[in-house]
Amino acid sequence: MSRSSTLLGNRNAIGRHDVAQYMGMNMDRAEQIRRLYFNREYNQKQLSAMFGCTQGSISRIISGMVWMR
């Protein structure tokens, strides 16, 4: 299964136009984002700047809409 088809598995969570911003993401980075957020080290806006994506992307990662095992 390709990376983009995995991301698009739940079409309500992410549209095709959003795939490009996830292409630099991987499961390890997503887990790091969740850890930093849930340990209250950074907020979503700070994480989006650190990882080079939008706050909305961070929100979808944190909520488990994308990049969940």
C-alpha atoms as a PDB file:
ATOM      1  CA  MET A   1       0.000   0.000   0.000  1.00  0.00           C
ATOM      2  CA  SER A   2       1.414   3.370  -0.943  1.00  0.00           C
ATOM      3  CA  ARG A   3       1.972   6.156   1.539  1.00  0.00           C
ATOM      4  CA  SER A   4      -0.699   8.361  -0.031  1.00  0.00           C
ATOM      5  CA  SER A   5      -3.297   5.580  -0.101  1.00  0.00           C
ATOM      6  CA  THR A   6      -2.637   4.908   3.586  1.00  0.00           C
ATOM      7  CA  LEU A   7      -3.174   8.570   4.341  1.00  0.00           C
ATOM      8  CA  LEU A   8      -6.305   8.658   2.227  1.00  0.00           C
ATOM      9  CA  GLY A   9      -7.819   5.556   3.752  1.00  0.00           C
ATOM     10  CA  ASN A  10     -10.243   7.727   5.706  1.00  0.00           C
ATOM     11  CA  ARG A  11     -11.275  10.312   3.136  1.00  0.00           C
ATOM     12  CA  ASN A  12     -13.209  12.271   5.740  1.00  0.00           C
ATOM     13  CA  ALA A  13      -9.987  12.867   7.663  1.00  0.00           C
ATOM     14  CA  ILE A  14      -7.755  14.094   4.845  1.00  0.00           C
ATOM     15  CA  GLY A  15      -8.216  15.208   1.271  1.00  0.00           C
ATOM     16  CA  ARG A  16      -5.878  14.663  -1.641  1.00  0.00           C
ATOM     17  CA  HIS A  17      -4.715  18.278  -1.497  1.00  0.00           C
ATOM     18  CA  ASP A  18      -3.456  17.680   2.049  1.00  0.00           C
ATOM     19  CA  VAL A  19      -1.280  14.665   1.177  1.00  0.00           C
ATOM     20  CA  ALA A  20       1.700  16.768   0.078  1.00  0.00           C
ATOM     21  CA  GLN A  21       2.187  18.265   3.516  1.00  0.00           C
ATOM     22  CA  TYR A  22       2.248  14.779   5.069  1.00  0.00           C
ATOM     23  CA  MET A  23       4.854  13.411   2.674  1.00  0.00           C
ATOM     24  CA  GLY A  24       7.703  14.410   5.012  1.00  0.00           C
ATOM     25  CA  MET A  25       5.885  12.794   7.918  1.00  0.00           C
ATOM     26  CA  ASN A  26       6.377   9.262   9.127  1.00  0.00           C
ATOM     27  CA  MET A  27       5.107   7.197  12.047  1.00  0.00           C
ATOM     28  CA  ASP A  28       8.089   8.073  14.262  1.00  0.00           C
ATOM     29  CA  ARG A  29       7.602  11.798  13.720  1.00  0.00           C
ATOM     30  CA  ALA A  30       3.851  11.492  14.352  1.00  0.00           C
ATOM     31  CA  GLU A  31       4.501   9.666  17.619  1.00  0.00           C
ATOM     32  CA  GLN A  32       7.034  12.346  18.579  1.00  0.00           C
ATOM     33  CA  ILE A  33       4.413  15.033  17.908  1.00  0.00           C
ATOM     34  CA  ARG A  34       1.890  13.227  20.118  1.00  0.00           C
ATOM     35  CA  ARG A  35       4.441  12.785  22.898  1.00  0.00           C
ATOM     36  CA  LEU A  36       5.484  16.437  22.853  1.00  0.00           C
ATOM     37  CA  TYR A  37       1.864  17.584  22.794  1.00  0.00           C
ATOM     38  CA  PHE A  38       0.484  15.247  25.469  1.00  0.00           C
ATOM     39  CA  ASN A  39       3.436  15.929  27.784  1.00  0.00           C
ATOM     40  CA  ARG A  40       2.385  19.590  27.483  1.00  0.00           C
ATOM     41  CA  GLU A  41       5.804  20.577  26.175  1.00  0.00           C
ATOM     42  CA  TYR A  42       4.452  22.365  23.080  1.00  0.00           C
ATOM     43  CA  ASN A  43       1.111  23.528  21.741  1.00  0.00           C
ATOM     44  CA  GLN A  44      -0.198  22.744  18.255  1.00  0.00           C
ATOM     45  CA  LYS A  45       0.982  26.024  16.761  1.00  0.00           C
ATOM     46  CA  GLN A  46       4.536  25.491  18.073  1.00  0.00           C
ATOM     47  CA  LEU A  47       4.572  21.912  16.782  1.00  0.00           C
ATOM     48  CA  SER A  48       3.400  23.007  13.355  1.00  0.00           C
ATOM     49  CA  ALA A  49       6.328  25.434  13.142  1.00  0.00           C
ATOM     50  CA  MET A  50       8.790  22.787  14.356  1.00  0.00           C
ATOM     51  CA  PHE A  51       7.627  20.098  11.916  1.00  0.00           C
ATOM     52  CA  GLY A  52       6.875  22.339   8.939  1.00  0.00           C
ATOM     53  CA  CYS A  53       3.182  21.635   8.546  1.00  0.00           C
ATOM     54  CA  THR A  54      -0.106  23.328   9.380  1.00  0.00           C
ATOM     55  CA  GLN A  55      -1.798  23.443  12.763  1.00  0.00           C
ATOM     56  CA  GLY A  56      -4.645  21.487  11.169  1.00  0.00           C
ATOM     57  CA  SER A  57      -2.225  18.711  10.239  1.00  0.00           C
ATOM     58  CA  ILE A  58      -0.942  18.583  13.808  1.00  0.00           C
ATOM     59  CA  SER A  59      -4.526  18.423  15.065  1.00  0.00           C
ATOM     60  CA  ARG A  60      -5.305  15.439  12.790  1.00  0.00           C
ATOM     61  CA  ILE A  61      -2.143  13.658  13.935  1.00  0.00           C
ATOM     62  CA  ILE A  62      -2.883  14.273  17.621  1.00  0.00           C
ATOM     63  CA  SER A  63      -6.528  13.237  17.315  1.00  0.00           C
ATOM     64  CA  GLY A  64      -5.576  10.008  15.541  1.00  0.00           C
ATOM     65  CA  MET A  65      -7.269  10.811  12.248  1.00  0.00           C
ATOM     66  CA  VAL A  66      -3.952  10.135  10.466  1.00  0.00           C
ATOM     67  CA  TRP A  67      -0.728   8.294  11.329  1.00  0.00           C
ATOM     68  CA  MET A  68      -2.113   5.819  13.834  1.00  0.00           C
ATOM     69  CA  ARG A  69      -0.820   2.272  14.129  1.00  0.00           C
END
